[in-house]
Amino acid sequence: MNSIYTPPPSGFQPEKPSEDNGSLGAGIGLAWAIAVVGTPLCVAMTASLNANFSTPVFALWLLPYLLIIGLAIFQYRKGKPRTGLGLMLGLLSIVAVALLLVAACFGMLSNLNTR
């Protein structure tokens, strides 16, 4: 019997390339970083362009938030949906914090008239 011996497979499987879907935390952190750094820069640009705030240059204040939305769309199209979702969740958390701060200020100011 002339047969060639072939050893049984050892169970070793070559690594499959993992799909990189991005990072949810990186998206949230990036959204907050853009908002924290971009908003004061845009406010300063608005103040330098228009000293008396009479013309509608206030649209510059929206640029960081439009940038977050644009980056989220870019990340979705690039194939990293978790980073895009993180950017949108970061934007949502920024809006939620702003609403909570406004509500707290109105709550504190409403008690001033009761004295």
C-alpha atoms as a PDB file:
ATOM      1  CA  MET A   1       0.000   0.000   0.000  1.00  0.00           C
ATOM      2  CA  ASN A   2       1.697   3.094  -1.272  1.00  0.00           C
ATOM      3  CA  SER A   3      -0.171   6.026   0.216  1.00  0.00           C
ATOM      4  CA  ILE A   4       1.204   9.371   1.188  1.00  0.00           C
ATOM      5  CA  TYR A   5       0.538  10.317   4.747  1.00  0.00           C
ATOM      6  CA  THR A   6      -1.070  13.733   5.203  1.00  0.00           C
ATOM      7  CA  PRO A   7      -1.290  15.010   8.757  1.00  0.00           C
ATOM      8  CA  PRO A   8      -4.680  16.074  10.077  1.00  0.00           C
ATOM      9  CA  PRO A   9      -5.349  19.805  10.196  1.00  0.00           C
ATOM     10  CA  SER A  10      -4.014  21.368  13.353  1.00  0.00           C
ATOM     11  CA  GLY A  11      -6.859  23.792  13.863  1.00  0.00           C
ATOM     12  CA  PHE A  12      -4.747  26.793  12.930  1.00  0.00           C
ATOM     13  CA  GLN A  13      -6.783  29.249  10.946  1.00  0.00           C
ATOM     14  CA  PRO A  14      -5.184  32.252   9.291  1.00  0.00           C
ATOM     15  CA  GLU A  15      -6.405  35.541  10.706  1.00  0.00           C
ATOM     16  CA  LYS A  16      -9.196  37.143   8.808  1.00  0.00           C
ATOM     17  CA  PRO A  17      -8.906  40.851   8.259  1.00  0.00           C
ATOM     18  CA  SER A  18     -11.157  42.466  10.827  1.00  0.00           C
ATOM     19  CA  GLU A  19     -13.598  45.080   9.690  1.00  0.00           C
ATOM     20  CA  ASP A  20     -12.876  48.448  11.246  1.00  0.00           C
ATOM     21  CA  ASN A  21     -16.231  50.046  11.947  1.00  0.00           C
ATOM     22  CA  GLY A  22     -14.731  52.947  13.855  1.00  0.00           C
ATOM     23  CA  SER A  23     -15.078  53.844  17.496  1.00  0.00           C
ATOM     24  CA  LEU A  24     -18.134  55.210  19.261  1.00  0.00           C
ATOM     25  CA  GLY A  25     -16.040  56.889  21.965  1.00  0.00           C
ATOM     26  CA  ALA A  26     -13.755  58.521  19.407  1.00  0.00           C
ATOM     27  CA  GLY A  27     -16.769  60.024  17.665  1.00  0.00           C
ATOM     28  CA  ILE A  28     -18.219  61.428  20.891  1.00  0.00           C
ATOM     29  CA  GLY A  29     -14.842  62.804  21.949  1.00  0.00           C
ATOM     30  CA  LEU A  30     -14.250  64.341  18.533  1.00  0.00           C
ATOM     31  CA  ALA A  31     -17.672  66.021  18.596  1.00  0.00           C
ATOM     32  CA  TRP A  32     -17.004  67.511  22.024  1.00  0.00           C
ATOM     33  CA  ALA A  33     -13.509  68.630  21.002  1.00  0.00           C
ATOM     34  CA  ILE A  34     -14.862  70.369  17.912  1.00  0.00           C
ATOM     35  CA  ALA A  35     -17.573  72.087  19.957  1.00  0.00           C
ATOM     36  CA  VAL A  36     -15.299  73.147  22.822  1.00  0.00           C
ATOM     37  CA  VAL A  37     -12.536  74.493  20.576  1.00  0.00           C
ATOM     38  CA  GLY A  38     -14.584  75.605  17.575  1.00  0.00           C
ATOM     39  CA  THR A  39     -17.304  77.595  19.303  1.00  0.00           C
ATOM     40  CA  PRO A  40     -14.998  80.120  21.022  1.00  0.00           C
ATOM     41  CA  LEU A  41     -12.989  80.471  17.820  1.00  0.00           C
ATOM     42  CA  CYS A  42     -16.118  81.203  15.805  1.00  0.00           C
ATOM     43  CA  VAL A  43     -17.373  83.640  18.450  1.00  0.00           C
ATOM     44  CA  ALA A  44     -14.010  85.426  18.335  1.00  0.00           C
ATOM     45  CA  MET A  45     -14.145  85.560  14.533  1.00  0.00           C
ATOM     46  CA  THR A  46     -17.656  86.979  14.709  1.00  0.00           C
ATOM     47  CA  ALA A  47     -16.566  89.604  17.222  1.00  0.00           C
ATOM     48  CA  SER A  48     -13.573  90.600  15.142  1.00  0.00           C
ATOM     49  CA  LEU A  49     -15.544  90.821  11.906  1.00  0.00           C
ATOM     50  CA  ASN A  50     -18.420  92.756  13.384  1.00  0.00           C
ATOM     51  CA  ALA A  51     -17.801  94.873  16.471  1.00  0.00           C
ATOM     52  CA  ASN A  52     -21.409  95.919  17.115  1.00  0.00           C
ATOM     53  CA  PHE A  53     -23.155  92.626  16.148  1.00  0.00           C
ATOM     54  CA  SER A  54     -25.607  94.432  13.884  1.00  0.00           C
ATOM     55  CA  THR A  55     -25.258  92.327  10.750  1.00  0.00           C
ATOM     56  CA  PRO A  56     -26.152  88.644  10.610  1.00  0.00           C
ATOM     57  CA  VAL A  57     -22.651  87.269  11.067  1.00  0.00           C
ATOM     58  CA  PHE A  58     -24.033  85.043  13.819  1.00  0.00           C
ATOM     59  CA  ALA A  59     -24.215  82.198  11.312  1.00  0.00           C
ATOM     60  CA  LEU A  60     -20.510  81.655  11.996  1.00  0.00           C
ATOM     61  CA  TRP A  61     -21.492  80.283  15.416  1.00  0.00           C
ATOM     62  CA  LEU A  62     -23.114  77.321  13.674  1.00  0.00           C
ATOM     63  CA  LEU A  63     -19.956  76.251  11.823  1.00  0.00           C
ATOM     64  CA  PRO A  64     -18.628  73.813  14.476  1.00  0.00           C
ATOM     65  CA  TYR A  65     -21.967  72.030  14.657  1.00  0.00           C
ATOM     66  CA  LEU A  66     -22.312  71.878  10.896  1.00  0.00           C
ATOM     67  CA  LEU A  67     -18.771  70.488  10.824  1.00  0.00           C
ATOM     68  CA  ILE A  68     -19.805  67.723  13.237  1.00  0.00           C
ATOM     69  CA  ILE A  69     -22.746  66.789  11.017  1.00  0.00           C
ATOM     70  CA  GLY A  70     -20.529  66.869   7.924  1.00  0.00           C
ATOM     71  CA  LEU A  71     -17.906  64.667   9.570  1.00  0.00           C
ATOM     72  CA  ALA A  72     -20.596  62.206  10.652  1.00  0.00           C
ATOM     73  CA  ILE A  73     -21.836  61.914   7.073  1.00  0.00           C
ATOM     74  CA  PHE A  74     -18.239  61.537   5.863  1.00  0.00           C
ATOM     75  CA  GLN A  75     -17.568  58.747   8.381  1.00  0.00           C
ATOM     76  CA  TYR A  76     -20.732  56.891   7.363  1.00  0.00           C
ATOM     77  CA  ARG A  77     -19.722  57.061   3.708  1.00  0.00           C
ATOM     78  CA  LYS A  78     -16.149  56.058   4.529  1.00  0.00           C
ATOM     79  CA  GLY A  79     -17.418  52.817   6.068  1.00  0.00           C
ATOM     80  CA  LYS A  80     -17.015  53.704   9.751  1.00  0.00           C
ATOM     81  CA  PRO A  81     -20.607  53.872  10.974  1.00  0.00           C
ATOM     82  CA  ARG A  82     -19.712  53.661  14.682  1.00  0.00           C
ATOM     83  CA  THR A  83     -17.610  56.818  14.478  1.00  0.00           C
ATOM     84  CA  GLY A  84     -20.402  58.564  12.576  1.00  0.00           C
ATOM     85  CA  LEU A  85     -22.898  57.449  15.185  1.00  0.00           C
ATOM     86  CA  GLY A  86     -20.538  58.644  17.914  1.00  0.00           C
ATOM     87  CA  LEU A  87     -20.351  62.072  16.293  1.00  0.00           C
ATOM     88  CA  MET A  88     -24.135  62.312  16.164  1.00  0.00           C
ATOM     89  CA  LEU A  89     -24.471  61.112  19.764  1.00  0.00           C
ATOM     90  CA  GLY A  90     -21.851  63.664  20.774  1.00  0.00           C
ATOM     91  CA  LEU A  91     -23.845  66.409  19.057  1.00  0.00           C
ATOM     92  CA  LEU A  92     -26.987  65.189  20.801  1.00  0.00           C
ATOM     93  CA  SER A  93     -25.236  65.248  24.178  1.00  0.00           C
ATOM     94  CA  ILE A  94     -23.989  68.799  23.510  1.00  0.00           C
ATOM     95  CA  VAL A  95     -27.551  69.923  22.792  1.00  0.00           C
ATOM     96  CA  ALA A  96     -28.790  68.121  25.923  1.00  0.00           C
ATOM     97  CA  VAL A  97     -26.181  69.807  28.131  1.00  0.00           C
ATOM     98  CA  ALA A  98     -27.061  73.198  26.631  1.00  0.00           C
ATOM     99  CA  LEU A  99     -30.767  72.627  27.312  1.00  0.00           C
ATOM    100  CA  LEU A 100     -30.039  71.580  30.893  1.00  0.00           C
ATOM    101  CA  LEU A 101     -27.946  74.702  31.446  1.00  0.00           C
ATOM    102  CA  VAL A 102     -30.690  76.936  30.052  1.00  0.00           C
ATOM    103  CA  ALA A 103     -33.285  75.215  32.229  1.00  0.00           C
ATOM    104  CA  ALA A 104     -31.083  75.624  35.307  1.00  0.00           C
ATOM    105  CA  CYS A 105     -30.606  79.324  34.599  1.00  0.00           C
ATOM    106  CA  PHE A 106     -34.337  79.868  34.159  1.00  0.00           C
ATOM    107  CA  GLY A 107     -34.939  77.952  37.379  1.00  0.00           C
ATOM    108  CA  MET A 108     -32.531  80.145  39.295  1.00  0.00           C
ATOM    109  CA  LEU A 109     -33.896  83.361  37.785  1.00  0.00           C
ATOM    110  CA  SER A 110     -37.520  82.409  38.485  1.00  0.00           C
ATOM    111  CA  ASN A 111     -36.815  82.401  42.248  1.00  0.00           C
ATOM    112  CA  LEU A 112     -35.579  86.004  42.200  1.00  0.00           C
ATOM    113  CA  ASN A 113     -39.102  87.467  41.918  1.00  0.00           C
ATOM    114  CA  THR A 114     -40.539  85.580  44.871  1.00  0.00           C
ATOM    115  CA  ARG A 115     -38.613  87.511  47.551  1.00  0.00           C
END
